[in-house]
Amino acid sequence: SWTNLEALKRAARALLEQLREATGTAVSIGIGR
């Protein structure tokens, strides 16, 4: 269940930055295995 989790986190961090720019507000993300 932990396989590829680090890659998923990196994808989520990049997505977080894009959503911050798109909304102009704070966004939080939780990752599931």
ModelCIF file with pLDDT and N, C-alpha, C, O atoms, coordinates in Angstrom:
data_MODEL
#
_entry.id   MODEL 
#
_entity.id                         1 
_entity.type                       polymer 
_entity.pdbx_number_of_molecules   1 
#
_entity_poly.entity_id                      1 
_entity_poly.type                           'polypeptide(L)' 
_entity_poly.nstd_linkage                   no 
_entity_poly.nstd_monomer                   no 
_entity_poly.pdbx_seq_one_letter_code       SWTNLEALKRAARALLEQLREATGTAVSIGIGR 
_entity_poly.pdbx_seq_one_letter_code_can   SWTNLEALKRAARALLEQLREATGTAVSIGIGR 
_entity_poly.pdbx_strand_id                 A 
#
loop_
_entity_poly_seq.entity_id 
_entity_poly_seq.num 
_entity_poly_seq.mon_id 
_entity_poly_seq.hetero 
1 1  SER n 
1 2  TRP n 
1 3  THR n 
1 4  ASN n 
1 5  LEU n 
1 6  GLU n 
1 7  ALA n 
1 8  LEU n 
1 9  LYS n 
1 10 ARG n 
1 11 ALA n 
1 12 ALA n 
1 13 ARG n 
1 14 ALA n 
1 15 LEU n 
1 16 LEU n 
1 17 GLU n 
1 18 GLN n 
1 19 LEU n 
1 20 ARG n 
1 21 GLU n 
1 22 ALA n 
1 23 THR n 
1 24 GLY n 
1 25 THR n 
1 26 ALA n 
1 27 VAL n 
1 28 SER n 
1 29 ILE n 
1 30 GLY n 
1 31 ILE n 
1 32 GLY n 
1 33 ARG n 
#
_struct_asym.id          A 
_struct_asym.entity_id   1 
#
loop_
_ma_qa_metric.id 
_ma_qa_metric.mode 
_ma_qa_metric.name 
_ma_qa_metric.software_group_id 
_ma_qa_metric.type 
1 global pLDDT . pLDDT 
2 local  pLDDT . pLDDT 
#
_ma_qa_metric_global.metric_id      1 
_ma_qa_metric_global.metric_value   89.15 
_ma_qa_metric_global.model_id       1 
_ma_qa_metric_global.ordinal_id     1 
#
loop_
_ma_qa_metric_local.label_asym_id 
_ma_qa_metric_local.label_comp_id 
_ma_qa_metric_local.label_seq_id 
_ma_qa_metric_local.metric_id 
_ma_qa_metric_local.metric_value 
_ma_qa_metric_local.model_id 
_ma_qa_metric_local.ordinal_id 
A SER 1  2 72.00 1 1  
A TRP 2  2 80.00 1 2  
A THR 3  2 81.00 1 3  
A ASN 4  2 86.00 1 4  
A LEU 5  2 89.00 1 5  
A GLU 6  2 90.00 1 6  
A ALA 7  2 91.00 1 7  
A LEU 8  2 92.00 1 8  
A LYS 9  2 93.00 1 9  
A ARG 10 2 93.00 1 10 
A ALA 11 2 92.00 1 11 
A ALA 12 2 94.00 1 12 
A ARG 13 2 94.00 1 13 
A ALA 14 2 93.00 1 14 
A LEU 15 2 93.00 1 15 
A LEU 16 2 93.00 1 16 
A GLU 17 2 92.00 1 17 
A GLN 18 2 88.00 1 18 
A LEU 19 2 89.00 1 19 
A ARG 20 2 88.00 1 20 
A GLU 21 2 84.00 1 21 
A ALA 22 2 79.00 1 22 
A THR 23 2 81.00 1 23 
A GLY 24 2 83.00 1 24 
A THR 25 2 85.00 1 25 
A ALA 26 2 87.00 1 26 
A VAL 27 2 92.00 1 27 
A SER 28 2 95.00 1 28 
A ILE 29 2 96.00 1 29 
A GLY 30 2 96.00 1 30 
A ILE 31 2 95.00 1 31 
A GLY 32 2 94.00 1 32 
A ARG 33 2 92.00 1 33 
#
loop_
_atom_site.group_PDB 
_atom_site.id 
_atom_site.type_symbol 
_atom_site.label_atom_id 
_atom_site.label_alt_id 
_atom_site.label_comp_id 
_atom_site.label_asym_id 
_atom_site.label_entity_id 
_atom_site.label_seq_id 
_atom_site.pdbx_PDB_ins_code 
_atom_site.Cartn_x 
_atom_site.Cartn_y 
_atom_site.Cartn_z 
_atom_site.occupancy 
_atom_site.B_iso_or_equiv 
_atom_site.pdbx_formal_charge 
_atom_site.auth_seq_id 
_atom_site.auth_comp_id 
_atom_site.auth_asym_id 
_atom_site.auth_atom_id 
_atom_site.pdbx_PDB_model_num 
ATOM 1   N N  . SER A 1 1  ? 0.821  -1.212 0.000  1.00 72.00 ? 1  SER A N  1 
ATOM 2   C CA . SER A 1 1  ? 0.000  0.000  0.000  1.00 72.00 ? 1  SER A CA 1 
ATOM 3   C C  . SER A 1 1  ? 0.851  1.256  0.000  1.00 72.00 ? 1  SER A C  1 
ATOM 4   O O  . SER A 1 1  ? 0.349  2.349  -0.265 1.00 72.00 ? 1  SER A O  1 
ATOM 5   N N  . TRP A 1 2  ? 2.148  1.108  0.298  1.00 80.00 ? 2  TRP A N  1 
ATOM 6   C CA . TRP A 1 2  ? 3.040  2.270  0.334  1.00 80.00 ? 2  TRP A CA 1 
ATOM 7   C C  . TRP A 1 2  ? 3.816  2.437  -0.966 1.00 80.00 ? 2  TRP A C  1 
ATOM 8   O O  . TRP A 1 2  ? 4.558  3.408  -1.113 1.00 80.00 ? 2  TRP A O  1 
ATOM 9   N N  . THR A 1 3  ? 3.664  1.514  -1.908 1.00 81.00 ? 3  THR A N  1 
ATOM 10  C CA . THR A 1 3  ? 4.391  1.587  -3.175 1.00 81.00 ? 3  THR A CA 1 
ATOM 11  C C  . THR A 1 3  ? 3.984  2.845  -3.946 1.00 81.00 ? 3  THR A C  1 
ATOM 12  O O  . THR A 1 3  ? 2.799  3.171  -4.030 1.00 81.00 ? 3  THR A O  1 
ATOM 13  N N  . ASN A 1 4  ? 4.955  3.537  -4.499 1.00 86.00 ? 4  ASN A N  1 
ATOM 14  C CA . ASN A 1 4  ? 4.740  4.729  -5.332 1.00 86.00 ? 4  ASN A CA 1 
ATOM 15  C C  . ASN A 1 4  ? 4.155  5.907  -4.559 1.00 86.00 ? 4  ASN A C  1 
ATOM 16  O O  . ASN A 1 4  ? 3.730  6.892  -5.163 1.00 86.00 ? 4  ASN A O  1 
ATOM 17  N N  . LEU A 1 5  ? 4.128  5.815  -3.215 1.00 89.00 ? 5  LEU A N  1 
ATOM 18  C CA . LEU A 1 5  ? 3.525  6.889  -2.427 1.00 89.00 ? 5  LEU A CA 1 
ATOM 19  C C  . LEU A 1 5  ? 4.326  8.185  -2.530 1.00 89.00 ? 5  LEU A C  1 
ATOM 20  O O  . LEU A 1 5  ? 3.745  9.270  -2.533 1.00 89.00 ? 5  LEU A O  1 
ATOM 21  N N  . GLU A 1 6  ? 5.656  8.085  -2.615 1.00 90.00 ? 6  GLU A N  1 
ATOM 22  C CA . GLU A 1 6  ? 6.466  9.297  -2.723 1.00 90.00 ? 6  GLU A CA 1 
ATOM 23  C C  . GLU A 1 6  ? 6.183  10.035 -4.027 1.00 90.00 ? 6  GLU A C  1 
ATOM 24  O O  . GLU A 1 6  ? 6.135  11.264 -4.051 1.00 90.00 ? 6  GLU A O  1 
ATOM 25  N N  . ALA A 1 7  ? 5.996  9.280  -5.118 1.00 91.00 ? 7  ALA A N  1 
ATOM 26  C CA . ALA A 1 7  ? 5.653  9.912  -6.395 1.00 91.00 ? 7  ALA A CA 1 
ATOM 27  C C  . ALA A 1 7  ? 4.278  10.564 -6.314 1.00 91.00 ? 7  ALA A C  1 
ATOM 28  O O  . ALA A 1 7  ? 4.060  11.640 -6.872 1.00 91.00 ? 7  ALA A O  1 
ATOM 29  N N  . LEU A 1 8  ? 3.359  9.913  -5.623 1.00 92.00 ? 8  LEU A N  1 
ATOM 30  C CA . LEU A 1 8  ? 2.016  10.480 -5.450 1.00 92.00 ? 8  LEU A CA 1 
ATOM 31  C C  . LEU A 1 8  ? 2.072  11.772 -4.638 1.00 92.00 ? 8  LEU A C  1 
ATOM 32  O O  . LEU A 1 8  ? 1.344  12.722 -4.928 1.00 92.00 ? 8  LEU A O  1 
ATOM 33  N N  . LYS A 1 9  ? 2.926  11.808 -3.633 1.00 93.00 ? 9  LYS A N  1 
ATOM 34  C CA . LYS A 1 9  ? 3.095  13.040 -2.844 1.00 93.00 ? 9  LYS A CA 1 
ATOM 35  C C  . LYS A 1 9  ? 3.653  14.174 -3.702 1.00 93.00 ? 9  LYS A C  1 
ATOM 36  O O  . LYS A 1 9  ? 3.188  15.311 -3.619 1.00 93.00 ? 9  LYS A O  1 
ATOM 37  N N  . ARG A 1 10 ? 4.653  13.857 -4.525 1.00 93.00 ? 10 ARG A N  1 
ATOM 38  C CA . ARG A 1 10 ? 5.229  14.902 -5.389 1.00 93.00 ? 10 ARG A CA 1 
ATOM 39  C C  . ARG A 1 10 ? 4.183  15.437 -6.352 1.00 93.00 ? 10 ARG A C  1 
ATOM 40  O O  . ARG A 1 10 ? 4.130  16.639 -6.612 1.00 93.00 ? 10 ARG A O  1 
ATOM 41  N N  . ALA A 1 11 ? 3.353  14.551 -6.879 1.00 92.00 ? 11 ALA A N  1 
ATOM 42  C CA . ALA A 1 11 ? 2.278  14.990 -7.772 1.00 92.00 ? 11 ALA A CA 1 
ATOM 43  C C  . ALA A 1 11 ? 1.304  15.898 -7.027 1.00 92.00 ? 11 ALA A C  1 
ATOM 44  O O  . ALA A 1 11 ? 0.862  16.914 -7.564 1.00 92.00 ? 11 ALA A O  1 
ATOM 45  N N  . ALA A 1 12 ? 0.971  15.531 -5.785 1.00 94.00 ? 12 ALA A N  1 
ATOM 46  C CA . ALA A 1 12 ? 0.031  16.328 -4.995 1.00 94.00 ? 12 ALA A CA 1 
ATOM 47  C C  . ALA A 1 12 ? 0.604  17.698 -4.655 1.00 94.00 ? 12 ALA A C  1 
ATOM 48  O O  . ALA A 1 12 ? -0.124 18.691 -4.657 1.00 94.00 ? 12 ALA A O  1 
ATOM 49  N N  . ARG A 1 13 ? 1.902  17.764 -4.363 1.00 94.00 ? 13 ARG A N  1 
ATOM 50  C CA . ARG A 1 13 ? 2.514  19.057 -4.042 1.00 94.00 ? 13 ARG A CA 1 
ATOM 51  C C  . ARG A 1 13 ? 2.484  19.994 -5.249 1.00 94.00 ? 13 ARG A C  1 
ATOM 52  O O  . ARG A 1 13 ? 2.214  21.188 -5.121 1.00 94.00 ? 13 ARG A O  1 
ATOM 53  N N  . ALA A 1 14 ? 2.767  19.430 -6.419 1.00 93.00 ? 14 ALA A N  1 
ATOM 54  C CA . ALA A 1 14 ? 2.709  20.250 -7.635 1.00 93.00 ? 14 ALA A CA 1 
ATOM 55  C C  . ALA A 1 14 ? 1.272  20.696 -7.928 1.00 93.00 ? 14 ALA A C  1 
ATOM 56  O O  . ALA A 1 14 ? 1.040  21.828 -8.350 1.00 93.00 ? 14 ALA A O  1 
ATOM 57  N N  . LEU A 1 15 ? 0.315  19.796 -7.701 1.00 93.00 ? 15 LEU A N  1 
ATOM 58  C CA . LEU A 1 15 ? -1.096 20.143 -7.879 1.00 93.00 ? 15 LEU A CA 1 
ATOM 59  C C  . LEU A 1 15 ? -1.500 21.244 -6.906 1.00 93.00 ? 15 LEU A C  1 
ATOM 60  O O  . LEU A 1 15 ? -2.226 22.168 -7.273 1.00 93.00 ? 15 LEU A O  1 
ATOM 61  N N  . LEU A 1 16 ? -1.024 21.145 -5.654 1.00 93.00 ? 16 LEU A N  1 
ATOM 62  C CA . LEU A 1 16 ? -1.345 22.147 -4.644 1.00 93.00 ? 16 LEU A CA 1 
ATOM 63  C C  . LEU A 1 16 ? -0.930 23.540 -5.110 1.00 93.00 ? 16 LEU A C  1 
ATOM 64  O O  . LEU A 1 16 ? -1.694 24.495 -4.964 1.00 93.00 ? 16 LEU A O  1 
ATOM 65  N N  . GLU A 1 17 ? 0.257  23.660 -5.663 1.00 92.00 ? 17 GLU A N  1 
ATOM 66  C CA . GLU A 1 17 ? 0.736  24.962 -6.139 1.00 92.00 ? 17 GLU A CA 1 
ATOM 67  C C  . GLU A 1 17 ? -0.148 25.487 -7.265 1.00 92.00 ? 17 GLU A C  1 
ATOM 68  O O  . GLU A 1 17 ? -0.448 26.680 -7.319 1.00 92.00 ? 17 GLU A O  1 
ATOM 69  N N  . GLN A 1 18 ? -0.562 24.601 -8.157 1.00 88.00 ? 18 GLN A N  1 
ATOM 70  C CA . GLN A 1 18 ? -1.407 25.048 -9.273 1.00 88.00 ? 18 GLN A CA 1 
ATOM 71  C C  . GLN A 1 18 ? -2.771 25.514 -8.765 1.00 88.00 ? 18 GLN A C  1 
ATOM 72  O O  . GLN A 1 18 ? -3.303 26.517 -9.242 1.00 88.00 ? 18 GLN A O  1 
ATOM 73  N N  . LEU A 1 19 ? -3.338 24.789 -7.797 1.00 89.00 ? 19 LEU A N  1 
ATOM 74  C CA . LEU A 1 19 ? -4.647 25.170 -7.272 1.00 89.00 ? 19 LEU A CA 1 
ATOM 75  C C  . LEU A 1 19 ? -4.565 26.475 -6.480 1.00 89.00 ? 19 LEU A C  1 
ATOM 76  O O  . LEU A 1 19 ? -5.513 27.261 -6.491 1.00 89.00 ? 19 LEU A O  1 
ATOM 77  N N  . ARG A 1 20 ? -3.458 26.712 -5.802 1.00 88.00 ? 20 ARG A N  1 
ATOM 78  C CA . ARG A 1 20 ? -3.270 27.981 -5.101 1.00 88.00 ? 20 ARG A CA 1 
ATOM 79  C C  . ARG A 1 20 ? -3.299 29.144 -6.084 1.00 88.00 ? 20 ARG A C  1 
ATOM 80  O O  . ARG A 1 20 ? -3.926 30.173 -5.835 1.00 88.00 ? 20 ARG A O  1 
ATOM 81  N N  . GLU A 1 21 ? -2.605 28.959 -7.210 1.00 84.00 ? 21 GLU A N  1 
ATOM 82  C CA . GLU A 1 21 ? -2.569 30.012 -8.230 1.00 84.00 ? 21 GLU A CA 1 
ATOM 83  C C  . GLU A 1 21 ? -3.946 30.188 -8.874 1.00 84.00 ? 21 GLU A C  1 
ATOM 84  O O  . GLU A 1 21 ? -4.367 31.307 -9.168 1.00 84.00 ? 21 GLU A O  1 
ATOM 85  N N  . ALA A 1 22 ? -4.641 29.062 -9.087 1.00 79.00 ? 22 ALA A N  1 
ATOM 86  C CA . ALA A 1 22 ? -5.937 29.124 -9.768 1.00 79.00 ? 22 ALA A CA 1 
ATOM 87  C C  . ALA A 1 22 ? -7.015 29.763 -8.903 1.00 79.00 ? 22 ALA A C  1 
ATOM 88  O O  . ALA A 1 22 ? -7.881 30.472 -9.414 1.00 79.00 ? 22 ALA A O  1 
ATOM 89  N N  . THR A 1 23 ? -6.968 29.514 -7.588 1.00 81.00 ? 23 THR A N  1 
ATOM 90  C CA . THR A 1 23 ? -8.012 30.017 -6.699 1.00 81.00 ? 23 THR A CA 1 
ATOM 91  C C  . THR A 1 23 ? -7.606 31.289 -5.958 1.00 81.00 ? 23 THR A C  1 
ATOM 92  O O  . THR A 1 23 ? -8.460 32.061 -5.521 1.00 81.00 ? 23 THR A O  1 
ATOM 93  N N  . GLY A 1 24 ? -6.301 31.499 -5.821 1.00 83.00 ? 24 GLY A N  1 
ATOM 94  C CA . GLY A 1 24 ? -5.830 32.647 -5.061 1.00 83.00 ? 24 GLY A CA 1 
ATOM 95  C C  . GLY A 1 24 ? -6.071 32.500 -3.575 1.00 83.00 ? 24 GLY A C  1 
ATOM 96  O O  . GLY A 1 24 ? -6.027 33.488 -2.842 1.00 83.00 ? 24 GLY A O  1 
ATOM 97  N N  . THR A 1 25 ? -6.325 31.290 -3.118 1.00 85.00 ? 25 THR A N  1 
ATOM 98  C CA . THR A 1 25 ? -6.597 31.037 -1.705 1.00 85.00 ? 25 THR A CA 1 
ATOM 99  C C  . THR A 1 25 ? -5.817 29.811 -1.242 1.00 85.00 ? 25 THR A C  1 
ATOM 100 O O  . THR A 1 25 ? -5.188 29.117 -2.041 1.00 85.00 ? 25 THR A O  1 
ATOM 101 N N  . ALA A 1 26 ? -5.872 29.557 0.070  1.00 87.00 ? 26 ALA A N  1 
ATOM 102 C CA . ALA A 1 26 ? -5.190 28.397 0.644  1.00 87.00 ? 26 ALA A CA 1 
ATOM 103 C C  . ALA A 1 26 ? -5.948 27.119 0.310  1.00 87.00 ? 26 ALA A C  1 
ATOM 104 O O  . ALA A 1 26 ? -7.175 27.066 0.396  1.00 87.00 ? 26 ALA A O  1 
ATOM 105 N N  . VAL A 1 27 ? -5.202 26.100 -0.068 1.00 92.00 ? 27 VAL A N  1 
ATOM 106 C CA . VAL A 1 27 ? -5.767 24.781 -0.369 1.00 92.00 ? 27 VAL A CA 1 
ATOM 107 C C  . VAL A 1 27 ? -4.940 23.741 0.383  1.00 92.00 ? 27 VAL A C  1 
ATOM 108 O O  . VAL A 1 27 ? -3.717 23.858 0.460  1.00 92.00 ? 27 VAL A O  1 
ATOM 109 N N  . SER A 1 28 ? -5.602 22.724 0.937  1.00 95.00 ? 28 SER A N  1 
ATOM 110 C CA . SER A 1 28 ? -4.908 21.638 1.621  1.00 95.00 ? 28 SER A CA 1 
ATOM 111 C C  . SER A 1 28 ? -5.228 20.319 0.935  1.00 95.00 ? 28 SER A C  1 
ATOM 112 O O  . SER A 1 28 ? -6.300 20.165 0.348  1.00 95.00 ? 28 SER A O  1 
ATOM 113 N N  . ILE A 1 29 ? -4.297 19.361 1.007  1.00 96.00 ? 29 ILE A N  1 
ATOM 114 C CA . ILE A 1 29 ? -4.490 18.077 0.334  1.00 96.00 ? 29 ILE A CA 1 
ATOM 115 C C  . ILE A 1 29 ? -4.088 16.935 1.272  1.00 96.00 ? 29 ILE A C  1 
ATOM 116 O O  . ILE A 1 29 ? -3.038 16.982 1.912  1.00 96.00 ? 29 ILE A O  1 
ATOM 117 N N  . GLY A 1 30 ? -4.931 15.925 1.339  1.00 96.00 ? 30 GLY A N  1 
ATOM 118 C CA . GLY A 1 30 ? -4.619 14.698 2.068  1.00 96.00 ? 30 GLY A CA 1 
ATOM 119 C C  . GLY A 1 30 ? -4.391 13.566 1.084  1.00 96.00 ? 30 GLY A C  1 
ATOM 120 O O  . GLY A 1 30 ? -5.116 13.440 0.097  1.00 96.00 ? 30 GLY A O  1 
ATOM 121 N N  . ILE A 1 31 ? -3.383 12.739 1.350  1.00 95.00 ? 31 ILE A N  1 
ATOM 122 C CA . ILE A 1 31 ? -3.038 11.633 0.454  1.00 95.00 ? 31 ILE A CA 1 
ATOM 123 C C  . ILE A 1 31 ? -3.425 10.309 1.105  1.00 95.00 ? 31 ILE A C  1 
ATOM 124 O O  . ILE A 1 31 ? -3.118 10.067 2.272  1.00 95.00 ? 31 ILE A O  1 
ATOM 125 N N  . GLY A 1 32 ? -4.097 9.461  0.343  1.00 94.00 ? 32 GLY A N  1 
ATOM 126 C CA . GLY A 1 32 ? -4.429 8.119  0.816  1.00 94.00 ? 32 GLY A CA 1 
ATOM 127 C C  . GLY A 1 32 ? -3.563 7.080  0.132  1.00 94.00 ? 32 GLY A C  1 
ATOM 128 O O  . GLY A 1 32 ? -3.174 7.246  -1.024 1.00 94.00 ? 32 GLY A O  1 
ATOM 129 N N  . ARG A 1 33 ? -3.265 6.010  0.847  1.00 92.00 ? 33 ARG A N  1 
ATOM 130 C CA . ARG A 1 33 ? -2.500 4.910  0.251  1.00 92.00 ? 33 ARG A CA 1 
ATOM 131 C C  . ARG A 1 33 ? -3.380 4.114  -0.711 1.00 92.00 ? 33 ARG A C  1 
ATOM 132 O O  . ARG A 1 33 ? -2.917 3.146  -1.314 1.00 92.00 ? 33 ARG A O  1 
#
